mmCIF file of all heavy atoms, coordinates in Angstrom:
data_MODEL
# 
_entry.id   MODEL 
# 
loop_
_atom_site.group_PDB 
_atom_site.id 
_atom_site.type_symbol 
_atom_site.label_atom_id 
_atom_site.label_alt_id 
_atom_site.label_comp_id 
_atom_site.label_asym_id 
_atom_site.label_entity_id 
_atom_site.label_seq_id 
_atom_site.pdbx_PDB_ins_code 
_atom_site.Cartn_x 
_atom_site.Cartn_y 
_atom_site.Cartn_z 
_atom_site.occupancy 
_atom_site.B_iso_or_equiv 
_atom_site.pdbx_formal_charge 
_atom_site.auth_seq_id 
_atom_site.auth_comp_id 
_atom_site.auth_asym_id 
_atom_site.auth_atom_id 
_atom_site.pdbx_PDB_model_num 
ATOM 1   N N   . VAL A 1 1  ? -2.464 -19.293 -21.692 1.00 0.00 ? 1  VAL A N   1 
ATOM 2   C CA  . VAL A 1 1  ? -2.039 -18.599 -20.276 1.00 0.00 ? 1  VAL A CA  1 
ATOM 3   C C   . VAL A 1 1  ? -1.067 -17.666 -20.569 1.00 0.00 ? 1  VAL A C   1 
ATOM 4   O O   . VAL A 1 1  ? -0.077 -17.790 -21.188 1.00 0.00 ? 1  VAL A O   1 
ATOM 5   C CB  . VAL A 1 1  ? -1.512 -19.746 -19.386 1.00 0.00 ? 1  VAL A CB  1 
ATOM 6   C CG1 . VAL A 1 1  ? -1.101 -19.075 -18.017 1.00 0.00 ? 1  VAL A CG1 1 
ATOM 7   C CG2 . VAL A 1 1  ? -2.476 -20.857 -19.177 1.00 0.00 ? 1  VAL A CG2 1 
ATOM 8   N N   . LYS A 1 2  ? -1.449 -16.469 -19.946 1.00 0.00 ? 2  LYS A N   1 
ATOM 9   C CA  . LYS A 1 2  ? -0.492 -15.274 -20.109 1.00 0.00 ? 2  LYS A CA  1 
ATOM 10  C C   . LYS A 1 2  ? 0.312  -15.016 -18.862 1.00 0.00 ? 2  LYS A C   1 
ATOM 11  O O   . LYS A 1 2  ? -0.185 -15.369 -17.719 1.00 0.00 ? 2  LYS A O   1 
ATOM 12  C CB  . LYS A 1 2  ? -1.378 -14.039 -20.328 1.00 0.00 ? 2  LYS A CB  1 
ATOM 13  C CG  . LYS A 1 2  ? -2.277 -14.113 -21.601 1.00 0.00 ? 2  LYS A CG  1 
ATOM 14  C CD  . LYS A 1 2  ? -3.100 -12.851 -21.791 1.00 0.00 ? 2  LYS A CD  1 
ATOM 15  C CE  . LYS A 1 2  ? -4.062 -13.022 -23.089 1.00 0.00 ? 2  LYS A CE  1 
ATOM 16  N NZ  . LYS A 1 2  ? -4.857 -11.833 -23.259 1.00 0.00 ? 2  LYS A NZ  1 
ATOM 17  N N   . PRO A 1 3  ? 1.502  -14.299 -18.967 1.00 0.00 ? 3  PRO A N   1 
ATOM 18  C CA  . PRO A 1 3  ? 2.217  -14.070 -17.678 1.00 0.00 ? 3  PRO A CA  1 
ATOM 19  C C   . PRO A 1 3  ? 1.425  -13.086 -16.796 1.00 0.00 ? 3  PRO A C   1 
ATOM 20  O O   . PRO A 1 3  ? 0.747  -12.220 -17.270 1.00 0.00 ? 3  PRO A O   1 
ATOM 21  C CB  . PRO A 1 3  ? 3.492  -13.396 -18.332 1.00 0.00 ? 3  PRO A CB  1 
ATOM 22  C CG  . PRO A 1 3  ? 3.490  -13.732 -19.744 1.00 0.00 ? 3  PRO A CG  1 
ATOM 23  C CD  . PRO A 1 3  ? 2.129  -14.067 -20.203 1.00 0.00 ? 3  PRO A CD  1 
ATOM 24  N N   . GLU A 1 4  ? 1.576  -13.422 -15.476 1.00 0.00 ? 4  GLU A N   1 
ATOM 25  C CA  . GLU A 1 4  ? 0.850  -12.514 -14.608 1.00 0.00 ? 4  GLU A CA  1 
ATOM 26  C C   . GLU A 1 4  ? 1.417  -11.075 -14.377 1.00 0.00 ? 4  GLU A C   1 
ATOM 27  O O   . GLU A 1 4  ? 2.674  -11.136 -14.153 1.00 0.00 ? 4  GLU A O   1 
ATOM 28  C CB  . GLU A 1 4  ? 0.769  -13.170 -13.215 1.00 0.00 ? 4  GLU A CB  1 
ATOM 29  C CG  . GLU A 1 4  ? -0.149 -12.581 -12.108 1.00 0.00 ? 4  GLU A CG  1 
ATOM 30  C CD  . GLU A 1 4  ? -1.510 -12.567 -12.516 1.00 0.00 ? 4  GLU A CD  1 
ATOM 31  O OE1 . GLU A 1 4  ? -2.080 -13.600 -13.184 1.00 0.00 ? 4  GLU A OE1 1 
ATOM 32  O OE2 . GLU A 1 4  ? -2.284 -11.759 -12.085 1.00 0.00 ? 4  GLU A OE2 1 
ATOM 33  N N   . PRO A 1 5  ? 0.799  -10.039 -14.841 1.00 0.00 ? 5  PRO A N   1 
ATOM 34  C CA  . PRO A 1 5  ? 1.413  -8.824  -14.557 1.00 0.00 ? 5  PRO A CA  1 
ATOM 35  C C   . PRO A 1 5  ? 1.663  -8.408  -13.126 1.00 0.00 ? 5  PRO A C   1 
ATOM 36  O O   . PRO A 1 5  ? 0.846  -8.838  -12.286 1.00 0.00 ? 5  PRO A O   1 
ATOM 37  C CB  . PRO A 1 5  ? 0.286  -7.793  -15.206 1.00 0.00 ? 5  PRO A CB  1 
ATOM 38  C CG  . PRO A 1 5  ? -0.936 -8.473  -15.068 1.00 0.00 ? 5  PRO A CG  1 
ATOM 39  C CD  . PRO A 1 5  ? -0.603 -9.901  -15.223 1.00 0.00 ? 5  PRO A CD  1 
ATOM 40  N N   . GLN A 1 6  ? 2.585  -7.585  -12.824 1.00 0.00 ? 6  GLN A N   1 
ATOM 41  C CA  . GLN A 1 6  ? 2.806  -7.159  -11.568 1.00 0.00 ? 6  GLN A CA  1 
ATOM 42  C C   . GLN A 1 6  ? 1.853  -6.103  -11.137 1.00 0.00 ? 6  GLN A C   1 
ATOM 43  O O   . GLN A 1 6  ? 1.613  -5.162  -11.813 1.00 0.00 ? 6  GLN A O   1 
ATOM 44  C CB  . GLN A 1 6  ? 4.214  -6.537  -11.433 1.00 0.00 ? 6  GLN A CB  1 
ATOM 45  C CG  . GLN A 1 6  ? 4.669  -6.169  -10.038 1.00 0.00 ? 6  GLN A CG  1 
ATOM 46  C CD  . GLN A 1 6  ? 6.072  -5.561  -9.958  1.00 0.00 ? 6  GLN A CD  1 
ATOM 47  O OE1 . GLN A 1 6  ? 6.802  -5.519  -10.930 1.00 0.00 ? 6  GLN A OE1 1 
ATOM 48  N NE2 . GLN A 1 6  ? 6.521  -5.274  -8.731  1.00 0.00 ? 6  GLN A NE2 1 
ATOM 49  N N   . ALA A 1 7  ? 1.262  -6.402  -9.893  1.00 0.00 ? 7  ALA A N   1 
ATOM 50  C CA  . ALA A 1 7  ? 0.270  -5.469  -9.333  1.00 0.00 ? 7  ALA A CA  1 
ATOM 51  C C   . ALA A 1 7  ? 0.856  -4.208  -8.854  1.00 0.00 ? 7  ALA A C   1 
ATOM 52  O O   . ALA A 1 7  ? 2.010  -4.288  -8.310  1.00 0.00 ? 7  ALA A O   1 
ATOM 53  C CB  . ALA A 1 7  ? -0.545 -6.093  -8.287  1.00 0.00 ? 7  ALA A CB  1 
ATOM 54  N N   . PRO A 1 8  ? 0.233  -3.052  -8.965  1.00 0.00 ? 8  PRO A N   1 
ATOM 55  C CA  . PRO A 1 8  ? 0.821  -1.751  -8.537  1.00 0.00 ? 8  PRO A CA  1 
ATOM 56  C C   . PRO A 1 8  ? 0.912  -1.811  -6.904  1.00 0.00 ? 8  PRO A C   1 
ATOM 57  O O   . PRO A 1 8  ? 0.028  -2.442  -6.314  1.00 0.00 ? 8  PRO A O   1 
ATOM 58  C CB  . PRO A 1 8  ? 0.043  -0.709  -9.048  1.00 0.00 ? 8  PRO A CB  1 
ATOM 59  C CG  . PRO A 1 8  ? -1.394 -1.418  -9.279  1.00 0.00 ? 8  PRO A CG  1 
ATOM 60  C CD  . PRO A 1 8  ? -1.108 -2.775  -9.517  1.00 0.00 ? 8  PRO A CD  1 
ATOM 61  N N   . PRO A 1 9  ? 1.701  -0.994  -6.321  1.00 0.00 ? 9  PRO A N   1 
ATOM 62  C CA  . PRO A 1 9  ? 1.733  -0.945  -4.849  1.00 0.00 ? 9  PRO A CA  1 
ATOM 63  C C   . PRO A 1 9  ? 0.376  -0.229  -4.391  1.00 0.00 ? 9  PRO A C   1 
ATOM 64  O O   . PRO A 1 9  ? -0.224 0.638   -5.189  1.00 0.00 ? 9  PRO A O   1 
ATOM 65  C CB  . PRO A 1 9  ? 2.917  -0.121  -4.491  1.00 0.00 ? 9  PRO A CB  1 
ATOM 66  C CG  . PRO A 1 9  ? 3.172  0.682   -5.786  1.00 0.00 ? 9  PRO A CG  1 
ATOM 67  C CD  . PRO A 1 9  ? 2.845  -0.199  -6.924  1.00 0.00 ? 9  PRO A CD  1 
ATOM 68  N N   . ILE A 1 10 ? -0.062 -0.581  -3.263  1.00 0.00 ? 10 ILE A N   1 
ATOM 69  C CA  . ILE A 1 10 ? -1.332 -0.132  -2.751  1.00 0.00 ? 10 ILE A CA  1 
ATOM 70  C C   . ILE A 1 10 ? -1.083 1.133   -1.872  1.00 0.00 ? 10 ILE A C   1 
ATOM 71  O O   . ILE A 1 10 ? -0.358 1.117   -0.811  1.00 0.00 ? 10 ILE A O   1 
ATOM 72  C CB  . ILE A 1 10 ? -2.125 -1.113  -1.883  1.00 0.00 ? 10 ILE A CB  1 
ATOM 73  C CG1 . ILE A 1 10 ? -2.344 -2.442  -2.681  1.00 0.00 ? 10 ILE A CG1 1 
ATOM 74  C CG2 . ILE A 1 10 ? -3.369 -0.559  -1.292  1.00 0.00 ? 10 ILE A CG2 1 
ATOM 75  C CD1 . ILE A 1 10 ? -2.916 -3.520  -1.776  1.00 0.00 ? 10 ILE A CD1 1 
ATOM 76  N N   . PRO A 1 11 ? -1.472 2.235   -2.345  1.00 0.00 ? 11 PRO A N   1 
ATOM 77  C CA  . PRO A 1 11 ? -1.378 3.508   -1.598  1.00 0.00 ? 11 PRO A CA  1 
ATOM 78  C C   . PRO A 1 11 ? -2.357 3.491   -0.367  1.00 0.00 ? 11 PRO A C   1 
ATOM 79  O O   . PRO A 1 11 ? -3.355 3.081   -0.549  1.00 0.00 ? 11 PRO A O   1 
ATOM 80  C CB  . PRO A 1 11 ? -1.751 4.666   -2.477  1.00 0.00 ? 11 PRO A CB  1 
ATOM 81  C CG  . PRO A 1 11 ? -2.647 4.083   -3.528  1.00 0.00 ? 11 PRO A CG  1 
ATOM 82  C CD  . PRO A 1 11 ? -2.185 2.611   -3.646  1.00 0.00 ? 11 PRO A CD  1 
ATOM 83  N N   . GLN A 1 12 ? -1.755 4.057   0.720   1.00 0.00 ? 12 GLN A N   1 
ATOM 84  C CA  . GLN A 1 12 ? -2.616 4.094   2.082   1.00 0.00 ? 12 GLN A CA  1 
ATOM 85  C C   . GLN A 1 12 ? -2.827 5.727   2.282   1.00 0.00 ? 12 GLN A C   1 
ATOM 86  O O   . GLN A 1 12 ? -2.033 6.483   2.139   1.00 0.00 ? 12 GLN A O   1 
ATOM 87  C CB  . GLN A 1 12 ? -2.030 3.501   3.144   1.00 0.00 ? 12 GLN A CB  1 
ATOM 88  C CG  . GLN A 1 12 ? -2.065 1.982   3.196   1.00 0.00 ? 12 GLN A CG  1 
ATOM 89  C CD  . GLN A 1 12 ? -1.467 1.537   4.503   1.00 0.00 ? 12 GLN A CD  1 
ATOM 90  O OE1 . GLN A 1 12 ? -0.397 1.650   4.846   1.00 0.00 ? 12 GLN A OE1 1 
ATOM 91  N NE2 . GLN A 1 12 ? -2.439 0.734   5.246   1.00 0.00 ? 12 GLN A NE2 1 
ATOM 92  N N   . ASN A 1 13 ? -3.997 5.880   2.895   1.00 0.00 ? 13 ASN A N   1 
ATOM 93  C CA  . ASN A 1 13 ? -4.167 7.281   3.338   1.00 0.00 ? 13 ASN A CA  1 
ATOM 94  C C   . ASN A 1 13 ? -3.419 7.491   4.568   1.00 0.00 ? 13 ASN A C   1 
ATOM 95  O O   . ASN A 1 13 ? -3.218 6.697   5.284   1.00 0.00 ? 13 ASN A O   1 
ATOM 96  C CB  . ASN A 1 13 ? -5.785 7.405   3.626   1.00 0.00 ? 13 ASN A CB  1 
ATOM 97  C CG  . ASN A 1 13 ? -6.655 7.568   2.349   1.00 0.00 ? 13 ASN A CG  1 
ATOM 98  O OD1 . ASN A 1 13 ? -6.194 7.766   1.312   1.00 0.00 ? 13 ASN A OD1 1 
ATOM 99  N ND2 . ASN A 1 13 ? -7.943 7.059   2.565   1.00 0.00 ? 13 ASN A ND2 1 
ATOM 100 N N   . TYR A 1 14 ? -3.058 8.698   4.725   1.00 0.00 ? 14 TYR A N   1 
ATOM 101 C CA  . TYR A 1 14 ? -2.007 9.049   5.791   1.00 0.00 ? 14 TYR A CA  1 
ATOM 102 C C   . TYR A 1 14 ? -2.746 8.729   7.217   1.00 0.00 ? 14 TYR A C   1 
ATOM 103 O O   . TYR A 1 14 ? -2.090 8.128   8.014   1.00 0.00 ? 14 TYR A O   1 
ATOM 104 C CB  . TYR A 1 14 ? -1.739 10.524  5.729   1.00 0.00 ? 14 TYR A CB  1 
ATOM 105 C CG  . TYR A 1 14 ? -0.791 10.968  6.963   1.00 0.00 ? 14 TYR A CG  1 
ATOM 106 C CD1 . TYR A 1 14 ? 0.440  10.573  6.968   1.00 0.00 ? 14 TYR A CD1 1 
ATOM 107 C CD2 . TYR A 1 14 ? -1.379 11.690  8.011   1.00 0.00 ? 14 TYR A CD2 1 
ATOM 108 C CE1 . TYR A 1 14 ? 1.299  11.024  8.135   1.00 0.00 ? 14 TYR A CE1 1 
ATOM 109 C CE2 . TYR A 1 14 ? -0.627 12.087  9.071   1.00 0.00 ? 14 TYR A CE2 1 
ATOM 110 C CZ  . TYR A 1 14 ? 0.718  11.706  9.105   1.00 0.00 ? 14 TYR A CZ  1 
ATOM 111 O OH  . TYR A 1 14 ? 1.452  12.053  10.264  1.00 0.00 ? 14 TYR A OH  1 
ATOM 112 N N   . ASP A 1 15 ? -4.000 9.044   7.341   1.00 0.00 ? 15 ASP A N   1 
ATOM 113 C CA  . ASP A 1 15 ? -4.647 8.853   8.660   1.00 0.00 ? 15 ASP A CA  1 
ATOM 114 C C   . ASP A 1 15 ? -4.684 7.394   8.987   1.00 0.00 ? 15 ASP A C   1 
ATOM 115 O O   . ASP A 1 15 ? -4.595 7.042   10.087  1.00 0.00 ? 15 ASP A O   1 
ATOM 116 C CB  . ASP A 1 15 ? -6.036 9.506   8.628   1.00 0.00 ? 15 ASP A CB  1 
ATOM 117 C CG  . ASP A 1 15 ? -5.987 10.999  8.576   1.00 0.00 ? 15 ASP A CG  1 
ATOM 118 O OD1 . ASP A 1 15 ? -4.909 11.561  8.839   1.00 0.00 ? 15 ASP A OD1 1 
ATOM 119 O OD2 . ASP A 1 15 ? -7.126 11.747  8.243   1.00 0.00 ? 15 ASP A OD2 1 
ATOM 120 N N   . THR A 1 16 ? -5.053 6.620   7.879   1.00 0.00 ? 16 THR A N   1 
ATOM 121 C CA  . THR A 1 16 ? -5.215 5.148   8.177   1.00 0.00 ? 16 THR A CA  1 
ATOM 122 C C   . THR A 1 16 ? -3.865 4.543   8.511   1.00 0.00 ? 16 THR A C   1 
ATOM 123 O O   . THR A 1 16 ? -3.742 3.747   9.416   1.00 0.00 ? 16 THR A O   1 
ATOM 124 C CB  . THR A 1 16 ? -5.748 4.503   6.779   1.00 0.00 ? 16 THR A CB  1 
ATOM 125 O OG1 . THR A 1 16 ? -6.945 5.040   6.411   1.00 0.00 ? 16 THR A OG1 1 
ATOM 126 C CG2 . THR A 1 16 ? -5.839 2.960   7.020   1.00 0.00 ? 16 THR A CG2 1 
ATOM 127 N N   . ALA A 1 17 ? -2.845 5.010   7.702   1.00 0.00 ? 17 ALA A N   1 
ATOM 128 C CA  . ALA A 1 17 ? -1.482 4.374   8.036   1.00 0.00 ? 17 ALA A CA  1 
ATOM 129 C C   . ALA A 1 17 ? -0.933 4.772   9.385   1.00 0.00 ? 17 ALA A C   1 
ATOM 130 O O   . ALA A 1 17 ? -0.350 4.038   10.112  1.00 0.00 ? 17 ALA A O   1 
ATOM 131 C CB  . ALA A 1 17 ? -0.578 4.816   6.904   1.00 0.00 ? 17 ALA A CB  1 
ATOM 132 N N   . LEU A 1 18 ? -1.290 6.058   9.852   1.00 0.00 ? 18 LEU A N   1 
ATOM 133 C CA  . LEU A 1 18 ? -0.867 6.579   11.081  1.00 0.00 ? 18 LEU A CA  1 
ATOM 134 C C   . LEU A 1 18 ? -1.504 5.905   12.317  1.00 0.00 ? 18 LEU A C   1 
ATOM 135 O O   . LEU A 1 18 ? -0.928 5.432   13.245  1.00 0.00 ? 18 LEU A O   1 
ATOM 136 C CB  . LEU A 1 18 ? -1.159 8.027   11.240  1.00 0.00 ? 18 LEU A CB  1 
ATOM 137 C CG  . LEU A 1 18 ? -0.748 8.801   12.485  1.00 0.00 ? 18 LEU A CG  1 
ATOM 138 C CD1 . LEU A 1 18 ? 0.895  8.762   12.537  1.00 0.00 ? 18 LEU A CD1 1 
ATOM 139 C CD2 . LEU A 1 18 ? -1.222 10.263  12.414  1.00 0.00 ? 18 LEU A CD2 1 
ATOM 140 N N   . ARG A 1 19 ? -2.927 5.574   12.155  1.00 0.00 ? 19 ARG A N   1 
ATOM 141 C CA  . ARG A 1 19 ? -3.545 4.777   13.139  1.00 0.00 ? 19 ARG A CA  1 
ATOM 142 C C   . ARG A 1 19 ? -3.054 3.324   13.246  1.00 0.00 ? 19 ARG A C   1 
ATOM 143 O O   . ARG A 1 19 ? -2.878 2.795   14.398  1.00 0.00 ? 19 ARG A O   1 
ATOM 144 C CB  . ARG A 1 19 ? -5.041 4.735   12.749  1.00 0.00 ? 19 ARG A CB  1 
ATOM 145 C CG  . ARG A 1 19 ? -5.742 6.141   13.130  1.00 0.00 ? 19 ARG A CG  1 
ATOM 146 C CD  . ARG A 1 19 ? -7.279 5.798   13.138  1.00 0.00 ? 19 ARG A CD  1 
ATOM 147 N NE  . ARG A 1 19 ? -7.816 5.287   11.824  1.00 0.00 ? 19 ARG A NE  1 
ATOM 148 C CZ  . ARG A 1 19 ? -8.187 6.002   10.950  1.00 0.00 ? 19 ARG A CZ  1 
ATOM 149 N NH1 . ARG A 1 19 ? -8.163 7.353   10.971  1.00 0.00 ? 19 ARG A NH1 1 
ATOM 150 N NH2 . ARG A 1 19 ? -8.698 5.464   9.826   1.00 0.00 ? 19 ARG A NH2 1 
ATOM 151 N N   . ALA A 1 20 ? -2.632 2.855   12.074  1.00 0.00 ? 20 ALA A N   1 
ATOM 152 C CA  . ALA A 1 20 ? -2.077 1.439   12.011  1.00 0.00 ? 20 ALA A CA  1 
ATOM 153 C C   . ALA A 1 20 ? -0.658 1.352   12.593  1.00 0.00 ? 20 ALA A C   1 
ATOM 154 O O   . ALA A 1 20 ? -0.121 0.209   12.868  1.00 0.00 ? 20 ALA A O   1 
ATOM 155 C CB  . ALA A 1 20 ? -2.089 0.856   10.638  1.00 0.00 ? 20 ALA A CB  1 
ATOM 156 N N   . GLY A 1 21 ? 0.022  2.554   12.762  1.00 0.00 ? 21 GLY A N   1 
ATOM 157 C CA  . GLY A 1 21 ? 1.439  2.589   13.252  1.00 0.00 ? 21 GLY A CA  1 
ATOM 158 C C   . GLY A 1 21 ? 2.365  2.109   12.190  1.00 0.00 ? 21 GLY A C   1 
ATOM 159 O O   . GLY A 1 21 ? 3.499  1.642   12.633  1.00 0.00 ? 21 GLY A O   1 
ATOM 160 N N   . THR A 1 22 ? 2.102  2.267   10.956  1.00 0.00 ? 22 THR A N   1 
ATOM 161 C CA  . THR A 1 22 ? 2.998  1.810   9.871   1.00 0.00 ? 22 THR A CA  1 
ATOM 162 C C   . THR A 1 22 ? 3.965  2.950   9.320   1.00 0.00 ? 22 THR A C   1 
ATOM 163 O O   . THR A 1 22 ? 4.720  2.572   8.480   1.00 0.00 ? 22 THR A O   1 
ATOM 164 C CB  . THR A 1 22 ? 2.272  1.114   8.768   1.00 0.00 ? 22 THR A CB  1 
ATOM 165 O OG1 . THR A 1 22 ? 1.285  2.098   8.237   1.00 0.00 ? 22 THR A OG1 1 
ATOM 166 C CG2 . THR A 1 22 ? 1.466  -0.099  9.222   1.00 0.00 ? 22 THR A CG2 1 
ATOM 167 N N   . ILE A 1 23 ? 3.637  4.242   9.779   1.00 0.00 ? 23 ILE A N   1 
ATOM 168 C CA  . ILE A 1 23 ? 4.465  5.275   9.219   1.00 0.00 ? 23 ILE A CA  1 
ATOM 169 C C   . ILE A 1 23 ? 4.788  6.297   10.332  1.00 0.00 ? 23 ILE A C   1 
ATOM 170 O O   . ILE A 1 23 ? 4.169  6.147   11.445  1.00 0.00 ? 23 ILE A O   1 
ATOM 171 C CB  . ILE A 1 23 ? 3.707  6.067   8.200   1.00 0.00 ? 23 ILE A CB  1 
ATOM 172 C CG1 . ILE A 1 23 ? 2.449  6.636   8.680   1.00 0.00 ? 23 ILE A CG1 1 
ATOM 173 C CG2 . ILE A 1 23 ? 3.468  5.263   6.940   1.00 0.00 ? 23 ILE A CG2 1 
ATOM 174 C CD1 . ILE A 1 23 ? 1.826  7.688   7.687   1.00 0.00 ? 23 ILE A CD1 1 
ATOM 175 N N   . ARG A 1 24 ? 5.786  7.066   10.216  1.00 0.00 ? 24 ARG A N   1 
ATOM 176 C CA  . ARG A 1 24 ? 6.126  8.201   11.078  1.00 0.00 ? 24 ARG A CA  1 
ATOM 177 C C   . ARG A 1 24 ? 6.608  9.355   10.301  1.00 0.00 ? 24 ARG A C   1 
ATOM 178 O O   . ARG A 1 24 ? 7.014  9.170   9.170   1.00 0.00 ? 24 ARG A O   1 
ATOM 179 C CB  . ARG A 1 24 ? 7.231  7.745   12.100  1.00 0.00 ? 24 ARG A CB  1 
ATOM 180 C CG  . ARG A 1 24 ? 8.555  7.346   11.451  1.00 0.00 ? 24 ARG A CG  1 
ATOM 181 C CD  . ARG A 1 24 ? 9.470  6.854   12.550  1.00 0.00 ? 24 ARG A CD  1 
ATOM 182 N NE  . ARG A 1 24 ? 10.768 6.529   11.915  1.00 0.00 ? 24 ARG A NE  1 
ATOM 183 C CZ  . ARG A 1 24 ? 11.874 6.006   12.594  1.00 0.00 ? 24 ARG A CZ  1 
ATOM 184 N NH1 . ARG A 1 24 ? 11.602 5.594   13.852  1.00 0.00 ? 24 ARG A NH1 1 
ATOM 185 N NH2 . ARG A 1 24 ? 12.942 5.660   11.953  1.00 0.00 ? 24 ARG A NH2 1 
ATOM 186 N N   . ARG A 1 25 ? 6.368  10.514  10.816  1.00 0.00 ? 25 ARG A N   1 
ATOM 187 C CA  . ARG A 1 25 ? 6.724  11.760  10.127  1.00 0.00 ? 25 ARG A CA  1 
ATOM 188 C C   . ARG A 1 25 ? 7.328  12.684  11.151  1.00 0.00 ? 25 ARG A C   1 
ATOM 189 O O   . ARG A 1 25 ? 6.808  12.960  12.302  1.00 0.00 ? 25 ARG A O   1 
ATOM 190 C CB  . ARG A 1 25 ? 5.432  12.316  9.480   1.00 0.00 ? 25 ARG A CB  1 
ATOM 191 C CG  . ARG A 1 25 ? 5.785  13.545  8.557   1.00 0.00 ? 25 ARG A CG  1 
ATOM 192 C CD  . ARG A 1 25 ? 4.554  14.027  8.042   1.00 0.00 ? 25 ARG A CD  1 
ATOM 193 N NE  . ARG A 1 25 ? 3.774  14.860  8.969   1.00 0.00 ? 25 ARG A NE  1 
ATOM 194 C CZ  . ARG A 1 25 ? 2.662  15.573  8.576   1.00 0.00 ? 25 ARG A CZ  1 
ATOM 195 N NH1 . ARG A 1 25 ? 2.254  15.585  7.359   1.00 0.00 ? 25 ARG A NH1 1 
ATOM 196 N NH2 . ARG A 1 25 ? 1.987  16.178  9.560   1.00 0.00 ? 25 ARG A NH2 1 
# 
């Protein structure tokens, strides 16, 4: 059994994040 590597952060497209209301600019 090997140590679990840390997964990278998931980038979101700007339009998708804007529709979801998770970002502001």
